[in-house]
Amino acid sequence: MSPETKQKRARRPRRPDENTVDGIPPLARLFPLGLQHVMAMYAGAVAVPLIVGGALGYSSADLAFLISADLFVAGIATIIQSVGFWRFGVRLPLMQGVTFAAVGPMIAIGQSEGIQAVFGATIACGLFMIVVAPFFSQLLRFFPPIVTGTVILIIGLSLMRVAANWIIDGSEDGAPPVNVAFAVGTLLFIVLIERFAPAALARVSVLLGLIIGTIVALFVPGMVDWSGVGDAAWFAVVTPFHFGLPTFQVASIVSMIIVGIVIMTETTGDMIAVGEIVDKPVGRKQLADGLRADGLGTVIGGVFNTFPYTAFAQNVGLVSLTGVRSRYVATMAGVILVVLGLIPKISMIVEGVPRAVLGGAGIALFGMVAASGIRTLAKVRFNNKNVLIVAISIGVALLPTVTPTIYDQFPDWFTLIFDSGISAGAITAILLNLLLNQDAFRTETDAAAISAHDAVRGPAAAALVHPEAEGTGLIQTQLLGTEDAEPDSSGSGGEQRD
């Protein structure tokens, strides 16, 4: 290299790293990356209003409105969570969508009290989440890597049923071979793009796989259903209280508050998982901000005729798969969701992506979530107690996954919690860790005697010495390769936010 070239490169200003949580990729990359997140969550996002509206006997027009409202509020909630303002928003690449945990209670409330009671209970649930968020965030001490890794692994394993249902696509006799072929083909496209495509294309491998799979499906009769596109309007305003003013029934509110606790449990695992993936550990302050954003999104949902909102775990897998850390990718996805909510015709085009194609992409996405959990668990020394914690938690979590009817004879309050493998597994992991690893909750002076090889490695270690995580009661930890070094009392393991 000539001296002149070296001088020119030295004078050239260095571009800021775009692949950080706070970095902003150029629009040419930002839009497709955001669209990829929308494609990954779209089927799950519209499923809840379809299920609830169908159970309550709503017309096609009302169902279309529920879907538009859902997408519109999902976009607003995602923007709040990723951009953040004041004490709302975790400021990480998290996508928001309607939780499946509320489906059963909402149908029961709607059938007995009407849809207005559902929206009233949703608003009350959101307010409850906002109020208790700072207290719930104090439970961060109960989420050491043995718990978070187990919960993340459970999230990935539990979501595989969603991918399988997409591939089956409502068939009562198992998955049609053509559906399996499209799922495998989509998965193969994603793998080949990751292997052979340039880095810029590899980062949108899931989106390209979905597009290619849909294009190929156009040549198979009945695979792509865009019949509703012609009847859909180009523009529709989502109006508050479209179905009437909300009513507030005590029993309905109590039922939905239980859902709120489940939501906060699941969201805590998702936020810690994303923090691990993007190397920006989540402290108590950030966790409280994220939980408040969930509550605010839920309040907005009740006002705009939709339901409780939570972080979507499948998009956590997408962050891990693509390696794109910028939270503004989620912000762009939120903007796209808002637009889709206002333009029903475009949303119907996206809705026409074959479920089998989504199922193939889902295998990769949900598998990456599970792999992220394994990566977190790799930082833990597996003695007999820790093996037992992981084994029993996964077993309890997978019971309703492999046999969905297992708790059908139990009370509603029980099934509300334990029908969700994620919340059941999280509760089990927390309780078992408290019982079997109670020595980990010693005082700081006692913790100094713990062997360094028991310490957590990597980003999770930074979370434990994060300025916002001080006083959580967790054992003192050190980063890999620094066992002989003195702990950094300055709290430099993470970045303090104002």
Protein backbone atom coordinates (compact mmCIF):
# COMPACT_ATOMS: atom_id res chain seq x y z
CA MET A 1 0.00 0.00 0.00
CA SER A 2 1.43 3.39 -1.03
CA PRO A 3 2.07 6.15 1.54
CA GLU A 4 -0.50 8.35 -0.21
CA THR A 5 -3.23 5.72 0.18
CA LYS A 6 -2.39 5.29 3.85
CA GLN A 7 -2.61 9.05 4.40
CA LYS A 8 -6.01 9.20 2.66
CA ARG A 9 -7.36 6.37 4.80
CA ALA A 10 -6.00 8.01 7.91
CA ARG A 11 -7.76 11.29 7.05
CA ARG A 12 -11.05 9.56 6.21
CA PRO A 13 -13.43 9.86 9.21
CA ARG A 14 -14.40 6.54 10.70
CA ARG A 15 -18.05 5.67 10.38
CA PRO A 16 -19.77 4.78 13.64
CA ASP A 17 -20.45 1.09 14.09
CA GLU A 18 -23.96 0.53 12.75
CA ASN A 19 -24.26 -2.93 14.27
CA THR A 20 -24.74 -1.81 17.86
CA VAL A 21 -27.90 -1.47 19.87
CA ASP A 22 -27.92 2.31 19.37
CA GLY A 23 -26.51 2.28 15.82
CA ILE A 24 -28.77 3.18 12.90
CA PRO A 25 -28.22 1.21 9.67
CA PRO A 26 -28.77 3.07 6.37
CA LEU A 27 -32.35 3.13 5.14
CA ALA A 28 -31.53 0.74 2.29
CA ARG A 29 -30.79 -1.92 4.90
CA LEU A 30 -33.05 -0.65 7.68
CA PHE A 31 -36.28 -1.17 5.76
CA PRO A 32 -35.73 -4.80 4.67
CA LEU A 33 -34.43 -5.70 8.13
CA GLY A 34 -37.55 -4.20 9.70
CA LEU A 35 -39.79 -5.91 7.14
CA GLN A 36 -38.13 -9.21 8.01
CA HIS A 37 -39.20 -8.78 11.64
CA VAL A 38 -42.77 -8.03 10.52
CA MET A 39 -42.87 -11.13 8.33
CA ALA A 40 -41.56 -13.27 11.18
CA MET A 41 -44.27 -12.16 13.61
CA TYR A 42 -47.19 -11.41 11.30
CA ALA A 43 -48.96 -14.76 11.47
CA GLY A 44 -48.69 -14.86 15.25
CA ALA A 45 -49.76 -11.22 15.54
CA VAL A 46 -53.03 -11.67 13.63
CA ALA A 47 -53.83 -15.09 15.14
CA VAL A 48 -55.21 -13.79 18.44
CA PRO A 49 -57.82 -11.36 17.01
CA LEU A 50 -58.86 -14.07 14.54
CA ILE A 51 -59.27 -16.63 17.33
CA VAL A 52 -61.06 -14.32 19.77
CA GLY A 53 -63.23 -12.63 17.13
CA GLY A 54 -64.15 -15.99 15.63
CA ALA A 55 -65.10 -17.41 19.04
CA LEU A 56 -67.36 -14.40 19.68
CA GLY A 57 -69.06 -14.81 16.30
CA TYR A 58 -67.86 -11.58 14.70
CA SER A 59 -68.45 -10.78 11.04
CA SER A 60 -65.68 -10.61 8.43
CA ALA A 61 -65.73 -6.79 8.59
CA ASP A 62 -65.34 -6.81 12.38
CA LEU A 63 -62.56 -9.39 12.15
CA ALA A 64 -60.77 -7.22 9.61
CA PHE A 65 -61.07 -4.24 11.95
CA LEU A 66 -59.69 -6.28 14.89
CA ILE A 67 -56.69 -7.29 12.76
CA SER A 68 -56.05 -3.70 11.64
CA ALA A 69 -56.31 -2.45 15.22
CA ASP A 70 -53.95 -5.20 16.39
CA LEU A 71 -51.28 -4.32 13.82
CA PHE A 72 -51.65 -0.60 14.46
CA VAL A 73 -51.20 -0.90 18.24
CA ALA A 74 -48.45 -3.53 17.85
CA GLY A 75 -46.50 -0.97 15.84
CA ILE A 76 -47.01 1.77 18.44
CA ALA A 77 -46.07 -0.59 21.29
CA THR A 78 -42.94 -1.70 19.42
CA ILE A 79 -41.85 1.89 18.82
CA ILE A 80 -42.35 2.71 22.51
CA GLN A 81 -40.34 -0.34 23.56
CA SER A 82 -37.44 0.16 21.14
CA VAL A 83 -37.11 3.97 21.10
CA GLY A 84 -38.21 4.62 24.66
CA PHE A 85 -39.24 7.82 26.35
CA TRP A 86 -38.88 8.86 29.98
CA ARG A 87 -39.31 5.65 32.00
CA PHE A 88 -41.03 3.64 29.27
CA GLY A 89 -39.17 1.27 26.95
CA VAL A 90 -36.26 -1.14 27.39
CA ARG A 91 -34.50 0.37 24.33
CA LEU A 92 -33.59 -2.99 22.82
CA PRO A 93 -34.63 -4.66 19.52
CA LEU A 94 -37.89 -6.14 20.81
CA MET A 95 -41.11 -6.60 18.85
CA GLN A 96 -44.49 -6.33 20.58
CA GLY A 97 -47.57 -8.38 19.80
CA VAL A 98 -50.77 -9.65 21.40
CA THR A 99 -50.08 -12.40 23.92
CA PHE A 100 -51.55 -15.88 23.47
CA ALA A 101 -51.76 -16.21 27.28
CA ALA A 102 -54.89 -14.04 27.30
CA VAL A 103 -56.86 -15.95 24.64
CA GLY A 104 -58.76 -18.24 27.02
CA PRO A 105 -59.73 -15.58 29.57
CA MET A 106 -60.71 -13.09 26.85
CA ILE A 107 -63.03 -15.58 25.16
CA ALA A 108 -64.62 -16.43 28.52
CA ILE A 109 -65.06 -12.74 29.41
CA GLY A 110 -66.37 -11.86 25.96
CA GLN A 111 -68.93 -14.66 25.94
CA SER A 112 -70.26 -13.81 29.41
CA GLU A 113 -69.84 -10.03 29.68
CA GLY A 114 -69.31 -8.83 26.11
CA ILE A 115 -66.30 -7.49 24.23
CA GLN A 116 -66.52 -4.17 26.10
CA ALA A 117 -65.63 -5.99 29.33
CA VAL A 118 -62.61 -7.51 27.58
CA PHE A 119 -61.33 -4.06 26.64
CA GLY A 120 -62.05 -2.71 30.14
CA ALA A 121 -60.13 -5.58 31.75
CA THR A 122 -57.30 -5.02 29.27
CA ILE A 123 -57.00 -1.35 30.24
CA ALA A 124 -57.04 -2.24 33.95
CA CYS A 125 -54.42 -4.94 33.36
CA GLY A 126 -52.15 -2.43 31.60
CA LEU A 127 -52.46 0.08 34.44
CA PHE A 128 -51.65 -2.68 36.93
CA MET A 129 -48.51 -3.59 34.97
CA ILE A 130 -47.33 0.02 34.90
CA VAL A 131 -47.80 0.38 38.66
CA VAL A 132 -46.10 -2.87 39.70
CA ALA A 133 -43.27 -2.75 37.11
CA PRO A 134 -40.63 -1.27 39.46
CA PHE A 135 -41.51 -3.84 42.15
CA PHE A 136 -41.51 -6.73 39.69
CA SER A 137 -38.10 -5.63 38.39
CA GLN A 138 -36.66 -6.27 41.85
CA LEU A 139 -37.12 -9.95 41.05
CA LEU A 140 -34.14 -9.71 38.68
CA ARG A 141 -32.08 -11.36 41.40
CA PHE A 142 -34.15 -14.48 40.85
CA PHE A 143 -33.02 -14.69 37.20
CA PRO A 144 -29.37 -15.82 37.31
CA PRO A 145 -28.02 -17.60 34.19
CA ILE A 146 -29.24 -21.03 35.34
CA VAL A 147 -32.79 -19.62 35.30
CA THR A 148 -32.56 -17.31 32.27
CA GLY A 149 -30.83 -19.94 30.16
CA THR A 150 -33.48 -22.50 31.06
CA VAL A 151 -36.33 -20.06 30.34
CA ILE A 152 -34.84 -19.04 26.98
CA LEU A 153 -34.39 -22.71 26.04
CA ILE A 154 -38.01 -23.40 27.05
CA ILE A 155 -39.23 -20.45 24.96
CA GLY A 156 -37.56 -21.89 21.87
CA LEU A 157 -38.79 -25.44 22.48
CA SER A 158 -42.35 -24.33 23.27
CA LEU A 159 -42.60 -22.23 20.14
CA MET A 160 -41.81 -25.24 17.94
CA ARG A 161 -45.48 -26.17 18.28
CA VAL A 162 -46.33 -22.89 16.55
CA ALA A 163 -44.02 -23.77 13.64
CA ALA A 164 -45.53 -27.26 13.45
CA ASN A 165 -49.07 -25.85 13.40
CA TRP A 166 -48.10 -23.53 10.57
CA ILE A 167 -46.86 -26.52 8.57
CA ILE A 168 -49.98 -28.58 9.34
CA ASP A 169 -52.14 -25.53 8.48
CA GLY A 170 -55.35 -26.85 9.97
CA SER A 171 -55.20 -30.35 8.49
CA GLU A 172 -56.68 -33.01 10.78
CA ASP A 173 -54.70 -35.84 9.17
CA GLY A 174 -51.22 -34.47 9.75
CA ALA A 175 -49.16 -32.19 7.55
CA PRO A 176 -49.75 -32.57 3.80
CA PRO A 177 -46.52 -33.61 2.02
CA VAL A 178 -46.60 -30.47 -0.11
CA ASN A 179 -46.60 -28.34 3.07
CA VAL A 180 -43.63 -30.24 4.46
CA ALA A 181 -41.85 -29.79 1.13
CA PHE A 182 -42.37 -26.02 1.22
CA ALA A 183 -41.28 -25.80 4.86
CA VAL A 184 -38.11 -27.77 4.13
CA GLY A 185 -37.50 -25.81 0.94
CA THR A 186 -37.85 -22.46 2.77
CA LEU A 187 -35.50 -23.67 5.49
CA LEU A 188 -33.01 -24.81 2.83
CA PHE A 189 -33.18 -21.41 1.10
CA ILE A 190 -32.38 -19.72 4.40
CA VAL A 191 -29.40 -22.00 5.02
CA LEU A 192 -28.04 -21.54 1.48
CA ILE A 193 -28.40 -17.77 1.70
CA GLU A 194 -26.54 -17.79 5.01
CA ARG A 195 -23.79 -19.94 3.48
CA PHE A 196 -23.25 -18.44 0.03
CA ALA A 197 -24.83 -14.95 -0.10
CA PRO A 198 -22.93 -11.73 0.70
CA ALA A 199 -23.11 -10.54 4.30
CA ALA A 200 -25.70 -7.86 3.46
CA LEU A 201 -28.11 -10.46 2.03
CA ALA A 202 -27.35 -13.01 4.74
CA ARG A 203 -28.72 -10.58 7.33
CA VAL A 204 -32.14 -10.73 5.65
CA SER A 205 -31.99 -14.46 4.97
CA VAL A 206 -35.34 -15.15 6.64
CA LEU A 207 -37.10 -12.44 4.64
CA LEU A 208 -35.57 -13.70 1.38
CA GLY A 209 -36.54 -17.26 2.29
CA LEU A 210 -40.13 -16.16 2.88
CA ILE A 211 -40.23 -14.21 -0.40
CA ILE A 212 -38.71 -17.03 -2.47
CA GLY A 213 -40.96 -19.60 -0.82
CA THR A 214 -44.04 -17.48 -1.55
CA ILE A 215 -43.02 -16.95 -5.20
CA VAL A 216 -42.55 -20.68 -5.72
CA ALA A 217 -45.89 -21.33 -3.97
CA LEU A 218 -47.64 -19.16 -6.58
CA PHE A 219 -47.15 -22.01 -9.07
CA VAL A 220 -48.95 -24.50 -6.80
CA PRO A 221 -52.74 -24.10 -6.91
CA GLY A 222 -54.26 -23.26 -3.54
CA MET A 223 -51.00 -22.51 -1.71
CA VAL A 224 -51.28 -18.70 -1.83
CA ASP A 225 -54.65 -17.15 -1.01
CA TRP A 226 -54.85 -13.50 -1.98
CA SER A 227 -58.59 -13.55 -2.67
CA GLY A 228 -59.29 -11.00 0.05
CA VAL A 229 -56.86 -8.41 -1.36
CA GLY A 230 -59.31 -7.09 -3.94
CA ASP A 231 -62.07 -6.52 -1.37
CA ALA A 232 -59.80 -4.86 1.20
CA ALA A 233 -59.77 -1.05 1.45
CA TRP A 234 -56.69 1.02 0.67
CA PHE A 235 -57.01 3.07 3.82
CA ALA A 236 -58.86 2.65 7.12
CA VAL A 237 -58.65 4.69 10.32
CA VAL A 238 -58.40 2.75 13.58
CA THR A 239 -60.81 4.57 15.90
CA PRO A 240 -60.84 4.26 19.70
CA PHE A 241 -63.75 2.44 21.36
CA HIS A 242 -65.06 1.21 18.00
CA PHE A 243 -67.18 -1.45 19.73
CA GLY A 244 -68.44 0.87 22.49
CA LEU A 245 -67.12 2.23 25.76
CA PRO A 246 -65.30 -0.32 27.94
CA THR A 247 -66.94 -1.77 31.03
CA PHE A 248 -65.02 -2.71 34.16
CA GLN A 249 -66.10 -5.96 35.82
CA VAL A 250 -64.18 -6.98 38.95
CA ALA A 251 -63.95 -10.69 38.12
CA SER A 252 -62.82 -9.92 34.57
CA ILE A 253 -60.18 -7.50 35.82
CA VAL A 254 -58.80 -10.03 38.33
CA SER A 255 -58.61 -12.67 35.60
CA MET A 256 -56.75 -10.30 33.29
CA ILE A 257 -54.37 -9.16 36.05
CA ILE A 258 -53.26 -12.78 36.38
CA VAL A 259 -52.57 -12.65 32.64
CA GLY A 260 -50.53 -9.49 33.29
CA ILE A 261 -48.32 -11.33 35.77
CA VAL A 262 -47.78 -14.10 33.21
CA ILE A 263 -46.93 -11.46 30.60
CA MET A 264 -44.35 -9.81 32.86
CA THR A 265 -42.77 -13.20 33.62
CA GLU A 266 -42.45 -14.03 29.93
CA THR A 267 -41.29 -10.54 28.97
CA THR A 268 -38.59 -10.62 31.64
CA GLY A 269 -37.14 -13.73 30.03
CA ASP A 270 -37.35 -12.20 26.54
CA MET A 271 -35.67 -8.94 27.58
CA ILE A 272 -32.85 -10.75 29.37
CA ALA A 273 -32.46 -13.00 26.31
CA VAL A 274 -32.17 -10.06 23.92
CA GLY A 275 -29.76 -8.34 26.29
CA GLU A 276 -27.59 -11.47 26.20
CA ILE A 277 -27.72 -11.68 22.39
CA VAL A 278 -26.81 -8.02 21.74
CA ASP A 279 -24.26 -7.84 24.58
CA LYS A 280 -26.17 -5.15 26.45
CA PRO A 281 -27.23 -6.73 29.75
CA VAL A 282 -30.57 -5.73 31.22
CA GLY A 283 -30.45 -4.24 34.71
CA ARG A 284 -33.32 -3.66 37.10
CA LYS A 285 -33.91 -0.12 35.86
CA GLN A 286 -34.10 -1.22 32.22
CA LEU A 287 -36.32 -4.15 33.15
CA ALA A 288 -38.78 -1.86 34.92
CA ASP A 289 -38.80 0.48 31.90
CA GLY A 290 -39.54 -2.45 29.59
CA LEU A 291 -42.34 -3.76 31.78
CA ARG A 292 -43.88 -0.28 31.96
CA ALA A 293 -43.83 -0.18 28.15
CA ASP A 294 -45.67 -3.50 28.07
CA GLY A 295 -48.28 -2.02 30.40
CA LEU A 296 -48.62 1.15 28.33
CA GLY A 297 -48.99 -0.88 25.15
CA THR A 298 -51.71 -2.92 26.84
CA VAL A 299 -53.58 0.24 27.92
CA ILE A 300 -53.39 1.60 24.37
CA GLY A 301 -54.59 -1.79 23.15
CA GLY A 302 -57.71 -1.61 25.32
CA VAL A 303 -58.47 1.89 24.06
CA PHE A 304 -58.01 0.93 20.39
CA ASN A 305 -60.12 -2.26 20.51
CA THR A 306 -57.40 -4.84 20.95
CA PHE A 307 -55.73 -6.90 23.66
CA PRO A 308 -52.72 -7.22 26.06
CA TYR A 309 -49.26 -6.87 24.50
CA THR A 310 -45.97 -8.57 25.22
CA ALA A 311 -42.57 -9.16 23.60
CA PHE A 312 -42.66 -11.69 20.76
CA ALA A 313 -40.17 -14.49 21.40
CA GLN A 314 -39.87 -15.49 17.72
CA ASN A 315 -38.28 -12.14 16.96
CA VAL A 316 -35.71 -12.77 19.68
CA GLY A 317 -34.61 -15.72 17.55
CA LEU A 318 -34.44 -13.49 14.49
CA VAL A 319 -32.09 -11.08 16.29
CA SER A 320 -29.84 -14.02 17.14
CA LEU A 321 -30.02 -15.50 13.65
CA THR A 322 -29.23 -12.30 11.75
CA GLY A 323 -26.77 -10.83 14.25
CA VAL A 324 -28.33 -7.37 13.73
CA ARG A 325 -28.32 -5.59 17.09
CA SER A 326 -29.78 -2.17 16.26
CA ARG A 327 -32.97 -1.37 18.17
CA TYR A 328 -33.96 0.95 15.32
CA VAL A 329 -34.57 -2.10 13.15
CA ALA A 330 -37.41 -2.91 15.55
CA THR A 331 -38.49 0.75 15.35
CA MET A 332 -38.70 0.49 11.56
CA ALA A 333 -40.69 -2.72 11.95
CA GLY A 334 -43.04 -0.82 14.27
CA VAL A 335 -43.54 1.88 11.64
CA ILE A 336 -44.31 -0.81 9.05
CA LEU A 337 -46.87 -2.38 11.40
CA VAL A 338 -48.59 0.98 11.90
CA VAL A 339 -48.79 1.43 8.11
CA LEU A 340 -50.14 -2.10 7.69
CA GLY A 341 -52.79 -1.31 10.28
CA LEU A 342 -53.88 1.73 8.29
CA ILE A 343 -53.76 0.04 4.85
CA PRO A 344 -55.75 -3.21 5.02
CA LYS A 345 -55.00 -4.10 1.39
CA ILE A 346 -51.26 -4.32 2.05
CA SER A 347 -51.80 -6.29 5.24
CA MET A 348 -53.89 -8.79 3.30
CA ILE A 349 -50.99 -9.30 0.87
CA VAL A 350 -48.65 -10.10 3.75
CA GLU A 351 -51.31 -12.31 5.31
CA GLY A 352 -51.33 -14.37 2.11
CA VAL A 353 -47.85 -15.82 2.74
CA PRO A 354 -48.40 -19.61 2.94
CA ARG A 355 -48.37 -20.97 6.48
CA ALA A 356 -46.09 -23.80 5.39
CA VAL A 357 -43.49 -21.27 4.27
CA LEU A 358 -43.79 -19.52 7.62
CA GLY A 359 -43.37 -22.88 9.32
CA GLY A 360 -40.05 -23.49 7.61
CA ALA A 361 -38.77 -20.09 8.70
CA GLY A 362 -40.17 -20.71 12.17
CA ILE A 363 -38.00 -23.81 12.61
CA ALA A 364 -34.90 -21.65 12.16
CA LEU A 365 -36.21 -18.77 14.28
CA PHE A 366 -37.43 -20.81 17.22
CA GLY A 367 -34.41 -23.09 17.06
CA MET A 368 -32.19 -20.03 17.41
CA VAL A 369 -34.08 -19.03 20.54
CA ALA A 370 -33.42 -22.47 22.03
CA ALA A 371 -29.76 -22.26 20.95
CA SER A 372 -29.44 -18.89 22.71
CA GLY A 373 -30.66 -20.56 25.89
CA ILE A 374 -28.05 -23.28 25.52
CA ARG A 375 -25.38 -20.62 25.02
CA THR A 376 -26.44 -18.95 28.27
CA LEU A 377 -26.46 -22.27 30.11
CA ALA A 378 -22.92 -22.92 28.88
CA LYS A 379 -21.77 -20.25 31.34
CA VAL A 380 -23.03 -22.31 34.28
CA ARG A 381 -21.17 -25.18 35.92
CA PHE A 382 -23.48 -28.19 35.73
CA ASN A 383 -23.37 -29.88 39.09
CA ASN A 384 -26.15 -32.29 40.07
CA LYS A 385 -28.37 -29.49 41.43
CA ASN A 386 -28.18 -27.39 38.27
CA VAL A 387 -28.84 -30.43 36.07
CA LEU A 388 -31.95 -31.15 38.13
CA ILE A 389 -33.16 -27.54 37.83
CA VAL A 390 -32.90 -27.59 34.03
CA ALA A 391 -34.32 -31.10 33.67
CA ILE A 392 -37.43 -30.60 35.80
CA SER A 393 -38.14 -27.09 34.45
CA ILE A 394 -38.02 -28.28 30.83
CA GLY A 395 -40.15 -31.30 31.70
CA VAL A 396 -42.84 -29.20 33.39
CA ALA A 397 -42.79 -26.67 30.53
CA LEU A 398 -43.17 -29.27 27.79
CA LEU A 399 -46.12 -31.10 29.37
CA PRO A 400 -48.76 -28.71 27.93
CA THR A 401 -46.77 -28.48 24.71
CA VAL A 402 -46.76 -32.20 23.92
CA THR A 403 -50.23 -32.81 25.45
CA PRO A 404 -52.31 -29.62 25.26
CA THR A 405 -55.28 -31.20 27.07
CA ILE A 406 -53.34 -32.27 30.17
CA TYR A 407 -54.82 -29.55 32.42
CA ASP A 408 -58.35 -29.48 31.00
CA GLN A 409 -59.86 -30.72 34.28
CA PHE A 410 -58.11 -28.10 36.42
CA PRO A 411 -59.53 -24.70 37.51
CA ASP A 412 -59.22 -21.74 35.18
CA TRP A 413 -56.69 -19.94 37.39
CA PHE A 414 -54.41 -22.98 37.25
CA THR A 415 -54.64 -23.52 33.51
CA LEU A 416 -54.09 -19.81 32.92
CA ILE A 417 -50.62 -20.15 34.43
CA PHE A 418 -49.58 -23.71 33.63
CA ASP A 419 -51.10 -24.02 30.16
CA SER A 420 -48.31 -21.67 29.10
CA GLY A 421 -45.19 -23.81 29.07
CA ILE A 422 -43.08 -20.66 29.23
CA SER A 423 -44.62 -19.32 32.44
CA ALA A 424 -44.81 -22.81 34.02
CA GLY A 425 -41.16 -23.48 33.21
CA ALA A 426 -40.06 -20.06 34.42
CA ILE A 427 -41.86 -20.44 37.76
CA THR A 428 -40.43 -23.95 38.20
CA ALA A 429 -36.88 -22.83 37.40
CA ILE A 430 -37.09 -19.89 39.83
CA LEU A 431 -38.47 -21.98 42.69
CA LEU A 432 -36.01 -24.84 42.16
CA ASN A 433 -33.09 -22.44 42.00
CA LEU A 434 -34.18 -20.85 45.28
CA LEU A 435 -34.51 -24.28 46.87
CA LEU A 436 -31.40 -25.99 45.53
CA ASN A 437 -29.02 -23.05 45.10
CA GLN A 438 -29.88 -21.04 48.19
CA ASP A 439 -26.14 -20.73 48.93
CA ALA A 440 -25.92 -18.41 45.91
CA PHE A 441 -27.99 -15.85 47.81
CA ARG A 442 -25.40 -15.24 50.52
CA THR A 443 -24.15 -11.89 51.69
CA GLU A 444 -21.38 -10.23 49.76
CA THR A 445 -18.73 -11.24 52.31
CA ASP A 446 -19.74 -14.86 52.11
CA ALA A 447 -19.78 -14.72 48.31
CA ALA A 448 -16.08 -13.90 48.16
CA ALA A 449 -15.28 -17.45 49.24
CA ILE A 450 -17.04 -18.98 46.23
CA SER A 451 -14.69 -20.55 43.72
CA ALA A 452 -14.09 -18.46 40.61
CA HIS A 453 -14.90 -21.33 38.27
CA ASP A 454 -18.52 -21.10 39.42
CA ALA A 455 -18.69 -17.53 38.12
CA VAL A 456 -20.86 -16.59 35.16
CA ARG A 457 -18.98 -15.87 31.92
CA GLY A 458 -19.66 -13.38 29.16
CA PRO A 459 -22.46 -10.80 28.92
CA ALA A 460 -24.39 -12.31 31.82
CA ALA A 461 -21.48 -11.53 34.11
CA ALA A 462 -21.64 -7.90 33.06
CA ALA A 463 -25.33 -7.92 33.94
CA LEU A 464 -24.52 -8.94 37.48
CA VAL A 465 -22.00 -6.13 37.97
CA HIS A 466 -24.11 -3.65 35.97
CA PRO A 467 -24.61 -0.36 37.87
CA GLU A 468 -28.36 -0.85 37.79
CA ALA A 469 -28.03 -4.40 39.15
CA GLU A 470 -26.17 -3.46 42.34
CA GLY A 471 -27.62 -4.87 45.51
CA THR A 472 -29.55 -7.61 43.76
CA GLY A 473 -28.08 -10.23 46.09
CA LEU A 474 -26.43 -12.19 43.29
CA ILE A 475 -23.05 -13.78 43.87
CA GLN A 476 -19.99 -11.81 42.93
CA THR A 477 -18.79 -12.73 39.44
CA GLN A 478 -15.80 -12.19 37.19
CA LEU A 479 -15.36 -12.27 33.43
CA LEU A 480 -13.60 -15.15 31.68
CA GLY A 481 -9.88 -14.95 32.04
CA THR A 482 -9.97 -12.55 34.97
CA GLU A 483 -10.26 -15.02 37.84
CA ASP A 484 -7.11 -13.63 39.41
CA ALA A 485 -8.06 -10.01 38.93
CA GLU A 486 -9.77 -7.82 41.47
CA PRO A 487 -13.47 -7.15 40.81
CA ASP A 488 -14.21 -3.81 39.23
CA SER A 489 -16.03 -1.82 41.88
CA SER A 490 -16.77 0.96 39.48
CA GLY A 491 -19.58 -1.01 37.83
CA SER A 492 -18.04 -0.78 34.40
CA GLY A 493 -19.70 -4.00 33.31
CA GLY A 494 -22.50 -2.09 31.68
CA GLU A 495 -23.51 1.30 30.43
CA GLN A 496 -25.50 3.53 32.79
CA ARG A 497 -28.42 5.34 31.25
CA ASP A 498 -29.76 8.61 32.52
